[in-house]
Amino acid sequence: MFVDDQTELADSNVRLLHKHGLEALPCHRVTQVADMLDNNPQVSFDIMVSDLHMPDGNGYQAIDLLKKHQPDVLAIIVSGNPSWSLISTLQPYQPKIPVLLSLMTLWNKLT
């Protein structure tokens, strides 16, 4: 699952993963994550990549929502505009630019 309020970024990452035969779902708001999980409790994910800052919340909130359904899901928070006070308890931190390469490496290891 990709969670980013920049719809074109989330959607393009999902399309790229689809081209490589992987399933992925974009969400563009924290509330969309909540709605999707409430309406589809059977759905499961291997990984969530979430933007840090969104208009209706933050990446921590999106991860918390998913972890209530899947406690062991791997989660990565990315940001092009980091708030060091917000991410100070999260390690490792990845800026947005190299995260796609890191994700493709991770997917290759998982598959």
N, C-alpha and C. Protein backbone atom coordinates (compact mmCIF):
# COMPACT_ATOMS: atom_id res chain seq x y z
N MET A 1 0.85 -1.16 0.00
CA MET A 1 0.00 0.00 0.00
C MET A 1 0.90 1.24 0.00
N PHE A 2 0.58 2.17 -0.90
CA PHE A 2 1.24 3.47 -0.93
C PHE A 2 0.25 4.51 -0.44
N VAL A 3 0.65 5.30 0.56
CA VAL A 3 -0.20 6.35 1.10
C VAL A 3 0.52 7.68 0.89
N ASP A 4 -0.05 8.50 0.04
CA ASP A 4 0.55 9.81 -0.24
C ASP A 4 -0.53 10.74 -0.77
N ASP A 5 -0.60 11.94 -0.23
CA ASP A 5 -1.60 12.90 -0.71
C ASP A 5 -1.25 13.45 -2.08
N GLN A 6 -0.04 13.23 -2.55
CA GLN A 6 0.31 13.56 -3.93
C GLN A 6 -0.12 12.37 -4.78
N THR A 7 -1.33 12.48 -5.31
CA THR A 7 -1.95 11.33 -5.98
C THR A 7 -1.10 10.78 -7.11
N GLU A 8 -0.50 11.66 -7.89
CA GLU A 8 0.30 11.19 -9.01
C GLU A 8 1.51 10.39 -8.56
N LEU A 9 2.08 10.72 -7.41
CA LEU A 9 3.22 9.97 -6.88
C LEU A 9 2.78 8.58 -6.43
N ALA A 10 1.73 8.50 -5.65
CA ALA A 10 1.24 7.20 -5.19
C ALA A 10 0.80 6.34 -6.36
N ASP A 11 0.05 6.93 -7.28
CA ASP A 11 -0.47 6.17 -8.42
C ASP A 11 0.65 5.68 -9.35
N SER A 12 1.65 6.50 -9.56
CA SER A 12 2.74 6.08 -10.45
C SER A 12 3.57 4.97 -9.82
N ASN A 13 3.78 5.01 -8.51
CA ASN A 13 4.50 3.93 -7.84
C ASN A 13 3.71 2.63 -7.92
N VAL A 14 2.40 2.72 -7.77
CA VAL A 14 1.55 1.52 -7.87
C VAL A 14 1.60 0.97 -9.29
N ARG A 15 1.53 1.83 -10.30
CA ARG A 15 1.62 1.36 -11.70
C ARG A 15 2.95 0.67 -11.95
N LEU A 16 4.03 1.22 -11.43
CA LEU A 16 5.35 0.62 -11.60
C LEU A 16 5.39 -0.78 -10.98
N LEU A 17 4.85 -0.93 -9.80
CA LEU A 17 4.82 -2.25 -9.17
C LEU A 17 3.95 -3.21 -9.96
N HIS A 18 2.82 -2.74 -10.49
CA HIS A 18 1.96 -3.59 -11.32
C HIS A 18 2.71 -4.09 -12.55
N LYS A 19 3.53 -3.22 -13.16
CA LYS A 19 4.31 -3.62 -14.33
C LYS A 19 5.28 -4.75 -14.01
N HIS A 20 5.69 -4.82 -12.74
CA HIS A 20 6.62 -5.88 -12.31
C HIS A 20 5.87 -7.07 -11.73
N GLY A 21 4.55 -7.12 -11.93
CA GLY A 21 3.76 -8.26 -11.49
C GLY A 21 3.39 -8.27 -10.02
N LEU A 22 3.55 -7.15 -9.36
CA LEU A 22 3.22 -7.05 -7.94
C LEU A 22 1.90 -6.32 -7.73
N GLU A 23 1.17 -6.72 -6.73
CA GLU A 23 -0.08 -6.05 -6.41
C GLU A 23 0.21 -4.89 -5.46
N ALA A 24 -0.46 -3.78 -5.69
CA ALA A 24 -0.30 -2.62 -4.82
C ALA A 24 -1.57 -1.78 -4.89
N LEU A 25 -1.80 -1.03 -3.83
CA LEU A 25 -2.99 -0.20 -3.74
C LEU A 25 -2.59 1.20 -3.30
N PRO A 26 -3.05 2.24 -4.02
CA PRO A 26 -2.76 3.59 -3.56
C PRO A 26 -3.86 4.10 -2.63
N CYS A 27 -3.49 4.87 -1.64
CA CYS A 27 -4.42 5.63 -0.81
C CYS A 27 -3.87 7.05 -0.75
N HIS A 28 -4.76 8.03 -0.78
CA HIS A 28 -4.31 9.41 -0.87
C HIS A 28 -4.57 10.23 0.38
N ARG A 29 -5.16 9.62 1.37
CA ARG A 29 -5.44 10.29 2.65
C ARG A 29 -5.44 9.24 3.75
N VAL A 30 -5.21 9.67 4.97
CA VAL A 30 -5.27 8.77 6.12
C VAL A 30 -6.69 8.23 6.26
N THR A 31 -7.69 9.07 6.05
CA THR A 31 -9.08 8.62 6.15
C THR A 31 -9.41 7.57 5.09
N GLN A 32 -8.75 7.62 3.95
CA GLN A 32 -8.97 6.61 2.91
C GLN A 32 -8.42 5.26 3.36
N VAL A 33 -7.31 5.27 4.07
CA VAL A 33 -6.76 4.03 4.63
C VAL A 33 -7.77 3.43 5.61
N ALA A 34 -8.31 4.26 6.50
CA ALA A 34 -9.29 3.79 7.48
C ALA A 34 -10.52 3.22 6.80
N ASP A 35 -11.04 3.92 5.81
CA ASP A 35 -12.23 3.46 5.10
C ASP A 35 -11.96 2.14 4.37
N MET A 36 -10.82 2.05 3.71
CA MET A 36 -10.49 0.84 2.97
C MET A 36 -10.37 -0.36 3.91
N LEU A 37 -9.74 -0.18 5.05
CA LEU A 37 -9.59 -1.28 6.00
C LEU A 37 -10.92 -1.66 6.65
N ASP A 38 -11.75 -0.67 6.96
CA ASP A 38 -13.06 -0.95 7.55
C ASP A 38 -13.96 -1.69 6.57
N ASN A 39 -13.90 -1.32 5.30
CA ASN A 39 -14.77 -1.92 4.28
C ASN A 39 -14.23 -3.22 3.70
N ASN A 40 -12.94 -3.50 3.92
CA ASN A 40 -12.30 -4.70 3.37
C ASN A 40 -11.41 -5.35 4.43
N PRO A 41 -11.99 -5.84 5.53
CA PRO A 41 -11.15 -6.37 6.62
C PRO A 41 -10.32 -7.59 6.23
N GLN A 42 -10.66 -8.26 5.13
CA GLN A 42 -9.92 -9.45 4.71
C GLN A 42 -8.65 -9.10 3.95
N VAL A 43 -8.49 -7.85 3.53
CA VAL A 43 -7.33 -7.46 2.73
C VAL A 43 -6.08 -7.46 3.61
N SER A 44 -4.94 -7.86 3.01
CA SER A 44 -3.68 -7.84 3.76
C SER A 44 -2.57 -7.31 2.87
N PHE A 45 -1.54 -6.79 3.50
CA PHE A 45 -0.43 -6.17 2.79
C PHE A 45 0.89 -6.68 3.35
N ASP A 46 1.89 -6.74 2.49
CA ASP A 46 3.24 -7.09 2.92
C ASP A 46 3.98 -5.87 3.44
N ILE A 47 3.66 -4.72 2.86
CA ILE A 47 4.39 -3.50 3.21
C ILE A 47 3.49 -2.28 2.99
N MET A 48 3.69 -1.26 3.80
CA MET A 48 3.03 0.03 3.61
C MET A 48 4.13 1.08 3.50
N VAL A 49 4.01 1.91 2.48
CA VAL A 49 4.88 3.07 2.33
C VAL A 49 3.98 4.28 2.46
N SER A 50 4.27 5.13 3.43
CA SER A 50 3.40 6.27 3.70
C SER A 50 4.19 7.56 3.73
N ASP A 51 3.59 8.59 3.15
CA ASP A 51 4.12 9.94 3.28
C ASP A 51 4.05 10.33 4.75
N LEU A 52 4.91 11.21 5.18
CA LEU A 52 4.89 11.68 6.56
C LEU A 52 3.77 12.70 6.77
N HIS A 53 3.71 13.71 5.91
CA HIS A 53 2.75 14.81 6.08
C HIS A 53 1.61 14.68 5.08
N MET A 54 0.38 14.72 5.59
CA MET A 54 -0.80 14.71 4.73
C MET A 54 -1.82 15.68 5.32
N PRO A 55 -2.73 16.18 4.51
CA PRO A 55 -3.68 17.17 5.01
C PRO A 55 -4.56 16.68 6.16
N ASP A 56 -4.85 15.38 6.19
CA ASP A 56 -5.76 14.88 7.22
C ASP A 56 -5.07 14.04 8.29
N GLY A 57 -3.76 14.12 8.36
CA GLY A 57 -3.04 13.37 9.38
C GLY A 57 -1.59 13.19 8.99
N ASN A 58 -0.99 12.10 9.48
CA ASN A 58 0.41 11.84 9.16
C ASN A 58 0.63 10.34 8.98
N GLY A 59 1.83 10.02 8.55
CA GLY A 59 2.17 8.63 8.26
C GLY A 59 2.08 7.72 9.47
N TYR A 60 2.39 8.24 10.65
CA TYR A 60 2.26 7.43 11.86
C TYR A 60 0.82 6.96 12.05
N GLN A 61 -0.13 7.86 11.79
CA GLN A 61 -1.54 7.50 11.95
C GLN A 61 -1.96 6.45 10.93
N ALA A 62 -1.49 6.58 9.70
CA ALA A 62 -1.81 5.60 8.67
C ALA A 62 -1.25 4.23 9.06
N ILE A 63 -0.02 4.20 9.54
CA ILE A 63 0.60 2.94 9.96
C ILE A 63 -0.16 2.33 11.14
N ASP A 64 -0.53 3.15 12.11
CA ASP A 64 -1.28 2.64 13.25
C ASP A 64 -2.58 1.98 12.82
N LEU A 65 -3.27 2.58 11.85
CA LEU A 65 -4.51 2.00 11.35
C LEU A 65 -4.26 0.61 10.76
N LEU A 66 -3.23 0.49 9.92
CA LEU A 66 -2.95 -0.80 9.30
C LEU A 66 -2.46 -1.81 10.33
N LYS A 67 -1.63 -1.38 11.27
CA LYS A 67 -1.10 -2.31 12.27
C LYS A 67 -2.19 -2.85 13.19
N LYS A 68 -3.30 -2.16 13.32
CA LYS A 68 -4.43 -2.72 14.09
C LYS A 68 -5.01 -3.94 13.39
N HIS A 69 -4.95 -3.96 12.06
CA HIS A 69 -5.43 -5.09 11.28
C HIS A 69 -4.32 -6.12 11.04
N GLN A 70 -3.10 -5.65 10.88
CA GLN A 70 -1.94 -6.50 10.59
C GLN A 70 -0.76 -6.06 11.45
N PRO A 71 -0.65 -6.55 12.66
CA PRO A 71 0.40 -6.08 13.56
C PRO A 71 1.83 -6.24 13.04
N ASP A 72 2.08 -7.22 12.19
CA ASP A 72 3.44 -7.49 11.74
C ASP A 72 3.79 -6.88 10.38
N VAL A 73 2.94 -6.02 9.85
CA VAL A 73 3.20 -5.44 8.54
C VAL A 73 4.45 -4.54 8.60
N LEU A 74 5.25 -4.59 7.55
CA LEU A 74 6.42 -3.72 7.43
C LEU A 74 5.95 -2.35 6.97
N ALA A 75 6.41 -1.30 7.62
CA ALA A 75 5.97 0.05 7.29
C ALA A 75 7.18 0.97 7.12
N ILE A 76 7.10 1.82 6.10
CA ILE A 76 8.15 2.80 5.82
C ILE A 76 7.48 4.15 5.69
N ILE A 77 8.01 5.14 6.39
CA ILE A 77 7.53 6.52 6.24
C ILE A 77 8.55 7.27 5.41
N VAL A 78 8.06 8.00 4.41
CA VAL A 78 8.92 8.80 3.55
C VAL A 78 8.43 10.24 3.56
N SER A 79 9.33 11.15 3.24
CA SER A 79 8.93 12.55 3.17
C SER A 79 9.93 13.34 2.35
N GLY A 80 9.41 14.24 1.56
CA GLY A 80 10.25 15.19 0.86
C GLY A 80 10.45 16.45 1.70
N ASN A 81 9.70 16.56 2.79
CA ASN A 81 9.75 17.71 3.68
C ASN A 81 9.72 17.19 5.12
N PRO A 82 10.85 16.69 5.60
CA PRO A 82 10.85 16.03 6.91
C PRO A 82 10.64 17.00 8.07
N SER A 83 9.97 16.51 9.07
CA SER A 83 9.83 17.20 10.34
C SER A 83 10.62 16.38 11.35
N TRP A 84 11.81 16.84 11.68
CA TRP A 84 12.69 16.04 12.52
C TRP A 84 12.09 15.77 13.88
N SER A 85 11.28 16.67 14.40
CA SER A 85 10.66 16.41 15.70
C SER A 85 9.67 15.26 15.61
N LEU A 86 8.99 15.14 14.48
CA LEU A 86 8.01 14.06 14.31
C LEU A 86 8.67 12.72 14.04
N ILE A 87 9.79 12.72 13.33
CA ILE A 87 10.43 11.44 12.97
C ILE A 87 11.55 11.05 13.92
N SER A 88 11.76 11.79 14.97
CA SER A 88 12.91 11.53 15.84
C SER A 88 12.87 10.14 16.47
N THR A 89 11.69 9.53 16.59
CA THR A 89 11.61 8.20 17.18
C THR A 89 11.56 7.11 16.12
N LEU A 90 11.62 7.47 14.85
CA LEU A 90 11.51 6.49 13.78
C LEU A 90 12.86 6.30 13.11
N GLN A 91 13.37 5.08 13.08
CA GLN A 91 14.60 4.75 12.38
C GLN A 91 14.37 3.47 11.60
N PRO A 92 14.88 3.27 10.43
CA PRO A 92 15.60 4.28 9.66
C PRO A 92 14.64 5.19 8.91
N TYR A 93 15.08 6.37 8.64
CA TYR A 93 14.30 7.36 7.90
C TYR A 93 14.81 7.39 6.48
N GLN A 94 13.90 7.42 5.51
CA GLN A 94 14.28 7.44 4.10
C GLN A 94 13.67 8.67 3.43
N PRO A 95 14.45 9.53 2.79
CA PRO A 95 13.83 10.58 1.97
C PRO A 95 13.14 9.96 0.76
N LYS A 96 12.22 10.69 0.13
CA LYS A 96 11.42 10.13 -0.95
C LYS A 96 12.24 9.68 -2.15
N ILE A 97 13.27 10.39 -2.52
CA ILE A 97 13.95 10.12 -3.78
C ILE A 97 14.52 8.70 -3.86
N PRO A 98 15.27 8.22 -2.88
CA PRO A 98 15.83 6.87 -3.04
C PRO A 98 14.88 5.75 -2.62
N VAL A 99 13.70 6.08 -2.11
CA VAL A 99 12.86 5.03 -1.55
C VAL A 99 12.39 4.04 -2.61
N LEU A 100 12.13 4.46 -3.83
CA LEU A 100 11.65 3.52 -4.84
C LEU A 100 12.70 2.47 -5.15
N LEU A 101 13.95 2.87 -5.24
CA LEU A 101 15.02 1.89 -5.46
C LEU A 101 15.11 0.93 -4.29
N SER A 102 14.98 1.44 -3.07
CA SER A 102 15.01 0.59 -1.89
C SER A 102 13.84 -0.38 -1.90
N LEU A 103 12.68 0.09 -2.31
CA LEU A 103 11.50 -0.77 -2.35
C LEU A 103 11.65 -1.87 -3.38
N MET A 104 12.18 -1.54 -4.54
CA MET A 104 12.35 -2.56 -5.57
C MET A 104 13.35 -3.63 -5.09
N THR A 105 14.39 -3.22 -4.40
CA THR A 105 15.33 -4.18 -3.84
C THR A 105 14.63 -5.06 -2.81
N LEU A 106 13.82 -4.46 -1.96
CA LEU A 106 13.08 -5.21 -0.96
C LEU A 106 12.12 -6.20 -1.61
N TRP A 107 11.36 -5.73 -2.62
CA TRP A 107 10.42 -6.62 -3.31
C TRP A 107 11.14 -7.80 -3.94
N ASN A 108 12.32 -7.53 -4.53
CA ASN A 108 13.08 -8.62 -5.14
C ASN A 108 13.48 -9.66 -4.10
N LYS A 109 13.77 -9.22 -2.89
CA LYS A 109 14.13 -10.16 -1.83
C LYS A 109 12.91 -10.95 -1.36
N LEU A 110 11.74 -10.30 -1.36
CA LEU A 110 10.52 -10.96 -0.90
C LEU A 110 9.96 -11.95 -1.90
N THR A 111 10.23 -11.72 -3.19
CA THR A 111 9.64 -12.59 -4.21
C THR A 111 10.63 -13.59 -4.75
